[in-house]
Every structure is written in structure tokens, then in C-alpha cells.
PDB file of all heavy atoms in Angstrom:
ATOM      1  N   GLY A   1      85.077 137.574 132.319  1.00  0.00           N
ATOM      2  CA  GLY A   1      85.307 136.334 131.608  1.00  0.00           C
ATOM      3  C   GLY A   1      85.057 136.472 130.120  1.00  0.00           C
ATOM      4  O   GLY A   1      84.680 137.534 129.622  1.00  0.00           O
ATOM      5  N   TRP A   2      85.298 135.387 129.436  1.00  0.00           N
ATOM      6  CA  TRP A   2      85.047 135.289 128.013  1.00  0.00           C
ATOM      7  C   TRP A   2      84.131 134.105 127.739  1.00  0.00           C
ATOM      8  O   TRP A   2      84.309 133.024 128.322  1.00  0.00           O
ATOM      9  CB  TRP A   2      86.346 135.102 127.226  1.00  0.00           C
ATOM     10  CG  TRP A   2      87.233 136.307 127.208  1.00  0.00           C
ATOM     11  CD1 TRP A   2      88.261 136.585 128.050  1.00  0.00           C
ATOM     12  CD2 TRP A   2      87.164 137.394 126.283  1.00  0.00           C
ATOM     13  NE1 TRP A   2      88.846 137.773 127.718  1.00  0.00           N
ATOM     14  CE2 TRP A   2      88.201 138.292 126.643  1.00  0.00           C
ATOM     15  CE3 TRP A   2      86.344 137.691 125.198  1.00  0.00           C
ATOM     16  CZ2 TRP A   2      88.426 139.480 125.931  1.00  0.00           C
ATOM     17  CZ3 TRP A   2      86.565 138.872 124.498  1.00  0.00           C
ATOM     18  CH2 TRP A   2      87.594 139.742 124.868  1.00  0.00           C
ATOM     19  N   PHE A   3      83.176 134.319 126.868  1.00  0.00           N
ATOM     20  CA  PHE A   3      82.259 133.283 126.435  1.00  0.00           C
ATOM     21  C   PHE A   3      82.276 133.209 124.922  1.00  0.00           C
ATOM     22  O   PHE A   3      82.743 134.126 124.241  1.00  0.00           O
ATOM     23  CB  PHE A   3      80.831 133.578 126.923  1.00  0.00           C
ATOM     24  CG  PHE A   3      80.653 133.443 128.404  1.00  0.00           C
ATOM     25  CD1 PHE A   3      81.153 134.395 129.276  1.00  0.00           C
ATOM     26  CD2 PHE A   3      79.976 132.347 128.931  1.00  0.00           C
ATOM     27  CE1 PHE A   3      80.988 134.269 130.640  1.00  0.00           C
ATOM     28  CE2 PHE A   3      79.802 132.213 130.300  1.00  0.00           C
ATOM     29  CZ  PHE A   3      80.310 133.173 131.150  1.00  0.00           C
ATOM     30  N   ARG A   4      81.763 132.127 124.392  1.00  0.00           N
ATOM     31  CA  ARG A   4      81.646 132.004 122.947  1.00  0.00           C
ATOM     32  C   ARG A   4      80.391 131.229 122.595  1.00  0.00           C
ATOM     33  O   ARG A   4      79.887 130.439 123.391  1.00  0.00           O
ATOM     34  CB  ARG A   4      82.880 131.326 122.343  1.00  0.00           C
ATOM     35  CG  ARG A   4      83.057 129.865 122.736  1.00  0.00           C
ATOM     36  CD  ARG A   4      84.385 129.342 122.222  1.00  0.00           C
ATOM     37  NE  ARG A   4      84.574 127.931 122.521  1.00  0.00           N
ATOM     38  CZ  ARG A   4      85.695 127.270 122.298  1.00  0.00           C
ATOM     39  NH1 ARG A   4      86.741 127.897 121.762  1.00  0.00           N
ATOM     40  NH2 ARG A   4      85.783 125.978 122.603  1.00  0.00           N
ATOM     41  N   GLN A   5      79.910 131.479 121.384  1.00  0.00           N
ATOM     42  CA  GLN A   5      78.735 130.777 120.907  1.00  0.00           C
ATOM     43  C   GLN A   5      78.896 130.477 119.428  1.00  0.00           C
ATOM     44  O   GLN A   5      79.050 131.392 118.616  1.00  0.00           O
ATOM     45  CB  GLN A   5      77.466 131.591 121.149  1.00  0.00           C
ATOM     46  CG  GLN A   5      76.191 130.823 120.844  1.00  0.00           C
ATOM     47  CD  GLN A   5      74.962 131.505 121.405  1.00  0.00           C
ATOM     48  OE1 GLN A   5      74.962 132.702 121.657  1.00  0.00           O
ATOM     49  NE2 GLN A   5      73.910 130.734 121.609  1.00  0.00           N
ATOM     50  N   ALA A   6      78.869 129.210 119.112  1.00  0.00           N
ATOM     51  CA  ALA A   6      78.942 128.762 117.734  1.00  0.00           C
ATOM     52  C   ALA A   6      77.534 128.502 117.218  1.00  0.00           C
ATOM     53  O   ALA A   6      76.619 128.239 118.002  1.00  0.00           O
ATOM     54  CB  ALA A   6      79.785 127.494 117.628  1.00  0.00           C
ATOM     55  N   PRO A   7      77.328 128.567 115.901  1.00  0.00           N
ATOM     56  CA  PRO A   7      76.002 128.308 115.344  1.00  0.00           C
ATOM     57  C   PRO A   7      75.461 126.956 115.782  1.00  0.00           C
ATOM     58  O   PRO A   7      76.157 125.942 115.715  1.00  0.00           O
ATOM     59  CB  PRO A   7      76.242 128.346 113.836  1.00  0.00           C
ATOM     60  CG  PRO A   7      77.430 129.231 113.671  1.00  0.00           C
ATOM     61  CD  PRO A   7      78.304 128.936 114.858  1.00  0.00           C
ATOM     62  N   GLY A   8      74.227 126.958 116.255  1.00  0.00           N
ATOM     63  CA  GLY A   8      73.593 125.730 116.678  1.00  0.00           C
ATOM     64  C   GLY A   8      73.997 125.232 118.047  1.00  0.00           C
ATOM     65  O   GLY A   8      73.550 124.157 118.462  1.00  0.00           O
ATOM     66  N   LYS A   9      74.831 125.982 118.746  1.00  0.00           N
ATOM     67  CA  LYS A   9      75.283 125.569 120.066  1.00  0.00           C
ATOM     68  C   LYS A   9      74.949 126.619 121.110  1.00  0.00           C
ATOM     69  O   LYS A   9      74.768 127.793 120.796  1.00  0.00           O
ATOM     70  CB  LYS A   9      76.786 125.301 120.068  1.00  0.00           C
ATOM     71  CG  LYS A   9      77.213 124.098 119.252  1.00  0.00           C
ATOM     72  CD  LYS A   9      78.677 123.772 119.484  1.00  0.00           C
ATOM     73  CE  LYS A   9      79.078 122.502 118.776  1.00  0.00           C
ATOM     74  NZ  LYS A   9      80.492 122.143 119.052  1.00  0.00           N
ATOM     75  N   ALA A  10      74.877 126.182 122.357  1.00  0.00           N
ATOM     76  CA  ALA A  10      74.630 127.095 123.457  1.00  0.00           C
ATOM     77  C   ALA A  10      75.872 127.921 123.752  1.00  0.00           C
ATOM     78  O   ALA A  10      76.994 127.545 123.401  1.00  0.00           O
ATOM     79  CB  ALA A  10      74.213 126.313 124.693  1.00  0.00           C
ATOM     80  N   ARG A  11      75.657 129.056 124.404  1.00  0.00           N
ATOM     81  CA  ARG A  11      76.779 129.879 124.808  1.00  0.00           C
ATOM     82  C   ARG A  11      77.637 129.119 125.813  1.00  0.00           C
ATOM     83  O   ARG A  11      77.129 128.518 126.761  1.00  0.00           O
ATOM     84  CB  ARG A  11      76.285 131.191 125.404  1.00  0.00           C
ATOM     85  CG  ARG A  11      77.405 132.174 125.721  1.00  0.00           C
ATOM     86  CD  ARG A  11      76.859 133.572 125.979  1.00  0.00           C
ATOM     87  NE  ARG A  11      76.228 134.124 124.789  1.00  0.00           N
ATOM     88  CZ  ARG A  11      75.766 135.372 124.700  1.00  0.00           C
ATOM     89  NH1 ARG A  11      75.868 136.195 125.734  1.00  0.00           N
ATOM     90  NH2 ARG A  11      75.194 135.791 123.583  1.00  0.00           N
ATOM     91  N   GLU A  12      78.934 129.160 125.591  1.00  0.00           N
ATOM     92  CA  GLU A  12      79.878 128.371 126.356  1.00  0.00           C
ATOM     93  C   GLU A  12      80.877 129.273 127.059  1.00  0.00           C
ATOM     94  O   GLU A  12      81.468 130.157 126.436  1.00  0.00           O
ATOM     95  CB  GLU A  12      80.613 127.403 125.425  1.00  0.00           C
ATOM     96  CG  GLU A  12      81.752 126.631 126.053  1.00  0.00           C
ATOM     97  CD  GLU A  12      82.592 125.895 125.035  1.00  0.00           C
ATOM     98  OE1 GLU A  12      82.618 126.313 123.859  1.00  0.00           O
ATOM     99  OE2 GLU A  12      83.218 124.882 125.410  1.00  0.00           O
ATOM    100  N   GLY A  13      81.081 129.045 128.338  1.00  0.00           N
ATOM    101  CA  GLY A  13      82.102 129.772 129.058  1.00  0.00           C
ATOM    102  C   GLY A  13      83.482 129.298 128.654  1.00  0.00           C
ATOM    103  O   GLY A  13      83.746 128.095 128.613  1.00  0.00           O
ATOM    104  N   VAL A  14      84.365 130.228 128.366  1.00  0.00           N
ATOM    105  CA  VAL A  14      85.711 129.920 127.909  1.00  0.00           C
ATOM    106  C   VAL A  14      86.736 130.129 129.012  1.00  0.00           C
ATOM    107  O   VAL A  14      87.569 129.256 129.279  1.00  0.00           O
ATOM    108  CB  VAL A  14      86.076 130.761 126.676  1.00  0.00           C
ATOM    109  CG1 VAL A  14      87.535 130.535 126.281  1.00  0.00           C
ATOM    110  CG2 VAL A  14      85.151 130.436 125.518  1.00  0.00           C
ATOM    111  N   ALA A  15      86.698 131.285 129.640  1.00  0.00           N
ATOM    112  CA  ALA A  15      87.672 131.617 130.670  1.00  0.00           C
ATOM    113  C   ALA A  15      87.091 132.646 131.614  1.00  0.00           C
ATOM    114  O   ALA A  15      86.305 133.501 131.205  1.00  0.00           O
ATOM    115  CB  ALA A  15      88.964 132.156 130.047  1.00  0.00           C
ATOM    116  N   GLY A  16      87.473 132.570 132.870  1.00  0.00           N
ATOM    117  CA  GLY A  16      87.040 133.530 133.860  1.00  0.00           C
ATOM    118  C   GLY A  16      88.205 134.002 134.698  1.00  0.00           C
ATOM    119  O   GLY A  16      89.194 133.292 134.860  1.00  0.00           O
ATOM    120  N   MET A  17      88.088 135.210 135.216  1.00  0.00           N
ATOM    121  CA  MET A  17      89.122 135.782 136.071  1.00  0.00           C
ATOM    122  C   MET A  17      88.477 136.524 137.229  1.00  0.00           C
ATOM    123  O   MET A  17      87.651 137.412 137.029  1.00  0.00           O
ATOM    124  CB  MET A  17      90.031 136.723 135.293  1.00  0.00           C
ATOM    125  CG  MET A  17      91.050 137.448 136.176  1.00  0.00           C
ATOM    126  SD  MET A  17      92.186 138.515 135.249  1.00  0.00           S
ATOM    127  CE  MET A  17      93.348 137.274 134.658  1.00  0.00           C
ATOM    128  N   ALA A  18      88.868 136.168 138.443  1.00  0.00           N
ATOM    129  CA  ALA A  18      88.416 136.862 139.630  1.00  0.00           C
ATOM    130  C   ALA A  18      89.194 138.162 139.797  1.00  0.00           C
ATOM    131  O   ALA A  18      90.215 138.390 139.149  1.00  0.00           O
ATOM    132  CB  ALA A  18      88.599 135.982 140.865  1.00  0.00           C
ATOM    133  N   SER A  19      88.701 139.015 140.687  1.00  0.00           N
ATOM    134  CA  SER A  19      89.352 140.297 140.907  1.00  0.00           C
ATOM    135  C   SER A  19      90.767 140.148 141.443  1.00  0.00           C
ATOM    136  O   SER A  19      91.599 141.038 141.240  1.00  0.00           O
ATOM    137  CB  SER A  19      88.519 141.161 141.852  1.00  0.00           C
ATOM    138  OG  SER A  19      88.354 140.528 143.115  1.00  0.00           O
ATOM    139  N   ASP A  20      91.047 139.034 142.119  1.00  0.00           N
ATOM    140  CA  ASP A  20      92.381 138.811 142.655  1.00  0.00           C
ATOM    141  C   ASP A  20      93.313 138.127 141.665  1.00  0.00           C
ATOM    142  O   ASP A  20      94.447 137.799 142.012  1.00  0.00           O
ATOM    143  CB  ASP A  20      92.319 138.011 143.958  1.00  0.00           C
ATOM    144  CG  ASP A  20      91.721 136.625 143.788  1.00  0.00           C
ATOM    145  OD1 ASP A  20      91.421 136.230 142.646  1.00  0.00           O
ATOM    146  OD2 ASP A  20      91.550 135.938 144.807  1.00  0.00           O
ATOM    147  N   GLY A  21      92.852 137.909 140.443  1.00  0.00           N
ATOM    148  CA  GLY A  21      93.687 137.342 139.412  1.00  0.00           C
ATOM    149  C   GLY A  21      93.556 135.850 139.205  1.00  0.00           C
ATOM    150  O   GLY A  21      94.159 135.314 138.264  1.00  0.00           O
ATOM    151  N   ARG A  22      92.815 135.181 140.050  1.00  0.00           N
ATOM    152  CA  ARG A  22      92.600 133.748 139.844  1.00  0.00           C
ATOM    153  C   ARG A  22      91.863 133.514 138.540  1.00  0.00           C
ATOM    154  O   ARG A  22      90.989 134.291 138.164  1.00  0.00           O
ATOM    155  CB  ARG A  22      91.817 133.140 141.003  1.00  0.00           C
ATOM    156  CG  ARG A  22      92.597 133.045 142.309  1.00  0.00           C
ATOM    157  CD  ARG A  22      91.725 132.482 143.410  1.00  0.00           C
ATOM    158  NE  ARG A  22      90.653 133.399 143.756  1.00  0.00           N
ATOM    159  CZ  ARG A  22      89.595 133.074 144.478  1.00  0.00           C
ATOM    160  NH1 ARG A  22      89.461 131.834 144.946  1.00  0.00           N
ATOM    161  NH2 ARG A  22      88.671 133.989 144.759  1.00  0.00           N
ATOM    162  N   THR A  23      92.200 132.438 137.863  1.00  0.00           N
ATOM    163  CA  THR A  23      91.616 132.142 136.563  1.00  0.00           C
ATOM    164  C   THR A  23      91.070 130.730 136.511  1.00  0.00           C
ATOM    165  O   THR A  23      91.486 129.853 137.267  1.00  0.00           O
ATOM    166  CB  THR A  23      92.648 132.321 135.438  1.00  0.00           C
ATOM    167  OG1 THR A  23      93.762 131.447 135.666  1.00  0.00           O
ATOM    168  CG2 THR A  23      93.143 133.758 135.387  1.00  0.00           C
ATOM    169  N   ASN A  24      90.146 130.533 135.592  1.00  0.00           N
ATOM    170  CA  ASN A  24      89.611 129.218 135.328  1.00  0.00           C
ATOM    171  C   ASN A  24      89.295 129.130 133.840  1.00  0.00           C
ATOM    172  O   ASN A  24      88.894 130.125 133.233  1.00  0.00           O
ATOM    173  CB  ASN A  24      88.356 128.945 136.148  1.00  0.00           C
ATOM    174  CG  ASN A  24      87.947 127.494 136.109  1.00  0.00           C
ATOM    175  OD1 ASN A  24      88.793 126.600 136.077  1.00  0.00           O
ATOM    176  ND2 ASN A  24      86.639 127.238 136.113  1.00  0.00           N
ATOM    177  N   TYR A  25      89.464 127.941 133.274  1.00  0.00           N
ATOM    178  CA  TYR A  25      89.279 127.747 131.852  1.00  0.00           C
ATOM    179  C   TYR A  25      88.419 126.532 131.578  1.00  0.00           C
ATOM    180  O   TYR A  25      88.429 125.556 132.330  1.00  0.00           O
ATOM    181  CB  TYR A  25      90.625 127.540 131.148  1.00  0.00           C
ATOM    182  CG  TYR A  25      91.564 128.706 131.251  1.00  0.00           C
ATOM    183  CD1 TYR A  25      92.469 128.803 132.301  1.00  0.00           C
ATOM    184  CD2 TYR A  25      91.555 129.712 130.291  1.00  0.00           C
ATOM    185  CE1 TYR A  25      93.337 129.878 132.397  1.00  0.00           C
ATOM    186  CE2 TYR A  25      92.418 130.786 130.378  1.00  0.00           C
ATOM    187  CZ  TYR A  25      93.308 130.863 131.432  1.00  0.00           C
ATOM    188  OH  TYR A  25      94.174 131.934 131.518  1.00  0.00           O
ATOM    189  N   ALA A  26      87.697 126.605 130.482  1.00  0.00           N
ATOM    190  CA  ALA A  26      87.011 125.428 129.996  1.00  0.00           C
ATOM    191  C   ALA A  26      88.039 124.377 129.593  1.00  0.00           C
ATOM    192  O   ALA A  26      89.124 124.710 129.105  1.00  0.00           O
ATOM    193  CB  ALA A  26      86.123 125.779 128.801  1.00  0.00           C
ATOM    194  N   ASP A  27      87.695 123.125 129.806  1.00  0.00           N
ATOM    195  CA  ASP A  27      88.626 122.054 129.471  1.00  0.00           C
ATOM    196  C   ASP A  27      89.058 122.101 128.009  1.00  0.00           C
ATOM    197  O   ASP A  27      90.197 121.761 127.677  1.00  0.00           O
ATOM    198  CB  ASP A  27      87.999 120.693 129.777  1.00  0.00           C
ATOM    199  CG  ASP A  27      87.882 120.420 131.259  1.00  0.00           C
ATOM    200  OD1 ASP A  27      88.586 121.069 132.054  1.00  0.00           O
ATOM    201  OD2 ASP A  27      87.077 119.540 131.628  1.00  0.00           O
ATOM    202  N   SER A  28      88.170 122.529 127.149  1.00  0.00           N
ATOM    203  CA  SER A  28      88.451 122.525 125.722  1.00  0.00           C
ATOM    204  C   SER A  28      89.538 123.517 125.310  1.00  0.00           C
ATOM    205  O   SER A  28      90.095 123.394 124.218  1.00  0.00           O
ATOM    206  CB  SER A  28      87.172 122.813 124.932  1.00  0.00           C
ATOM    207  OG  SER A  28      86.632 124.069 125.284  1.00  0.00           O
ATOM    208  N   VAL A  29      89.839 124.488 126.161  1.00  0.00           N
ATOM    209  CA  VAL A  29      90.823 125.507 125.793  1.00  0.00           C
ATOM    210  C   VAL A  29      92.025 125.543 126.728  1.00  0.00           C
ATOM    211  O   VAL A  29      92.963 126.318 126.483  1.00  0.00           O
ATOM    212  CB  VAL A  29      90.195 126.915 125.725  1.00  0.00           C
ATOM    213  CG1 VAL A  29      88.976 126.911 124.811  1.00  0.00           C
ATOM    214  CG2 VAL A  29      89.822 127.416 127.116  1.00  0.00           C
ATOM    215  N   LYS A  30      92.032 124.728 127.759  1.00  0.00           N
ATOM    216  CA  LYS A  30      93.152 124.722 128.695  1.00  0.00           C
ATOM    217  C   LYS A  30      94.458 124.417 127.976  1.00  0.00           C
ATOM    218  O   LYS A  30      94.538 123.504 127.162  1.00  0.00           O
ATOM    219  CB  LYS A  30      92.915 123.701 129.804  1.00  0.00           C
ATOM    220  CG  LYS A  30      91.908 124.140 130.841  1.00  0.00           C
ATOM    221  CD  LYS A  30      91.740 123.097 131.940  1.00  0.00           C
ATOM    222  CE  LYS A  30      90.760 123.569 132.993  1.00  0.00           C
ATOM    223  NZ  LYS A  30      90.534 122.546 134.036  1.00  0.00           N
ATOM    224  N   GLY A  31      95.464 125.203 128.290  1.00  0.00           N
ATOM    225  CA  GLY A  31      96.758 125.037 127.659  1.00  0.00           C
ATOM    226  C   GLY A  31      96.912 125.779 126.355  1.00  0.00           C
ATOM    227  O   GLY A  31      98.033 125.887 125.842  1.00  0.00           O
ATOM    228  N   ARG A  32      95.814 126.291 125.811  1.00  0.00           N
ATOM    229  CA  ARG A  32      95.863 127.005 124.539  1.00  0.00           C
ATOM    230  C   ARG A  32      95.455 128.470 124.675  1.00  0.00           C
ATOM    231  O   ARG A  32      95.991 129.329 123.985  1.00  0.00           O
ATOM    232  CB  ARG A  32      94.949 126.338 123.510  1.00  0.00           C
ATOM    233  CG  ARG A  32      95.325 124.899 123.205  1.00  0.00           C
ATOM    234  CD  ARG A  32      94.524 124.362 122.026  1.00  0.00           C
ATOM    235  NE  ARG A  32      93.085 124.350 122.306  1.00  0.00           N
ATOM    236  CZ  ARG A  32      92.185 125.057 121.631  1.00  0.00           C
ATOM    237  NH1 ARG A  32      92.561 125.834 120.620  1.00  0.00           N
ATOM    238  NH2 ARG A  32      90.893 124.976 121.941  1.00  0.00           N
ATOM    239  N   PHE A  33      94.501 128.746 125.556  1.00  0.00           N
ATOM    240  CA  PHE A  33      94.009 130.105 125.752  1.00  0.00           C
ATOM    241  C   PHE A  33      94.503 130.647 127.080  1.00  0.00           C
ATOM    242  O   PHE A  33      94.733 129.891 128.035  1.00  0.00           O
ATOM    243  CB  PHE A  33      92.483 130.143 125.761  1.00  0.00           C
ATOM    244  CG  PHE A  33      91.824 129.887 124.436  1.00  0.00           C
ATOM    245  CD1 PHE A  33      92.537 129.397 123.348  1.00  0.00           C
ATOM    246  CD2 PHE A  33      90.475 130.138 124.283  1.00  0.00           C
ATOM    247  CE1 PHE A  33      91.921 129.158 122.135  1.00  0.00           C
ATOM    248  CE2 PHE A  33      89.846 129.909 123.074  1.00  0.00           C
ATOM    249  CZ  PHE A  33      90.565 129.419 122.000  1.00  0.00           C
ATOM    250  N   ALA A  34      94.634 131.953 127.167  1.00  0.00           N
ATOM    251  CA  ALA A  34      95.029 132.602 128.408  1.00  0.00           C
ATOM    252  C   ALA A  34      94.277 133.915 128.572  1.00  0.00           C
ATOM    253  O   ALA A  34      94.280 134.756 127.671  1.00  0.00           O
ATOM    254  CB  ALA A  34      96.532 132.859 128.435  1.00  0.00           C
ATOM    255  N   ILE A  35      93.628 134.064 129.712  1.00  0.00           N
ATOM    256  CA  ILE A  35      92.942 135.304 130.034  1.00  0.00           C
ATOM    257  C   ILE A  35      93.886 136.164 130.871  1.00  0.00           C
ATOM    258  O   ILE A  35      94.599 135.668 131.742  1.00  0.00           O
ATOM    259  CB  ILE A  35      91.616 135.027 130.778  1.00  0.00           C
ATOM    260  CG1 ILE A  35      90.823 136.318 130.989  1.00  0.00           C
ATOM    261  CG2 ILE A  35      91.861 134.306 132.095  1.00  0.00           C
ATOM    262  CD1 ILE A  35      89.415 136.075 131.540  1.00  0.00           C
ATOM    263  N   SER A  36      93.900 137.446 130.601  1.00  0.00           N
ATOM    264  CA  SER A  36      94.760 138.361 131.332  1.00  0.00           C
ATOM    265  C   SER A  36      94.129 139.742 131.328  1.00  0.00           C
ATOM    266  O   SER A  36      93.131 139.979 130.641  1.00  0.00           O
ATOM    267  CB  SER A  36      96.168 138.412 130.728  1.00  0.00           C
ATOM    268  OG  SER A  36      96.137 138.896 129.398  1.00  0.00           O
ATOM    269  N   LYS A  37      94.707 140.650 132.087  1.00  0.00           N
ATOM    270  CA  LYS A  37      94.190 142.009 132.133  1.00  0.00           C
ATOM    271  C   LYS A  37      95.315 143.011 132.289  1.00  0.00           C
ATOM    272  O   LYS A  37      96.395 142.691 132.783  1.00  0.00           O
ATOM    273  CB  LYS A  37      93.184 142.175 133.271  1.00  0.00           C
ATOM    274  CG  LYS A  37      93.775 141.950 134.660  1.00  0.00           C
ATOM    275  CD  LYS A  37      92.724 142.116 135.742  1.00  0.00           C
ATOM    276  CE  LYS A  37      93.311 141.864 137.127  1.00  0.00           C
ATOM    277  NZ  LYS A  37      92.290 142.030 138.188  1.00  0.00           N
ATOM    278  N   ASP A  38      95.040 144.211 131.856  1.00  0.00           N
ATOM    279  CA  ASP A  38      95.933 145.344 132.037  1.00  0.00           C
ATOM    280  C   ASP A  38      95.106 146.413 132.729  1.00  0.00           C
ATOM    281  O   ASP A  38      94.296 147.087 132.096  1.00  0.00           O
ATOM    282  CB  ASP A  38      96.471 145.837 130.693  1.00  0.00           C
ATOM    283  CG  ASP A  38      97.497 146.944 130.847  1.00  0.00           C
ATOM    284  OD1 ASP A  38      97.457 147.696 131.830  1.00  0.00           O
ATOM    285  OD2 ASP A  38      98.368 147.065 129.949  1.00  0.00           O
ATOM    286  N   ASN A  39      95.296 146.539 134.021  1.00  0.00           N
ATOM    287  CA  ASN A  39      94.486 147.482 134.789  1.00  0.00           C
ATOM    288  C   ASN A  39      94.695 148.924 134.337  1.00  0.00           C
ATOM    289  O   ASN A  39      93.756 149.726 134.339  1.00  0.00           O
ATOM    290  CB  ASN A  39      94.800 147.359 136.280  1.00  0.00           C
ATOM    291  CG  ASN A  39      94.291 146.067 136.878  1.00  0.00           C
ATOM    292  OD1 ASN A  39      93.320 145.488 136.401  1.00  0.00           O
ATOM    293  ND2 ASN A  39      94.936 145.612 137.939  1.00  0.00           N
TER     294      ASN A  39
END
């Protein structure tokens, strides 16, 4: 997955990907960010 941390804020999960390719995104980035992999 990907996480981010802005100054003064807690670390926030951005996107996750399971081994089978399933993905999940934080509401704040849905539709704008995409997680992918190249095995």
C-alpha cells in the first residue's frame, strides 16, 4: 500500500492492494489516484 503524512497530521492510508489485485482507496483520493504493480 501507500501512505502519506503531512506536517501536523497523522499518517494516513492512501491505497492498498492485495496479492490478488484487489484495491482499496481512501475516500479523499478515490477517482484521482490509482495503485498498480508490475510484477
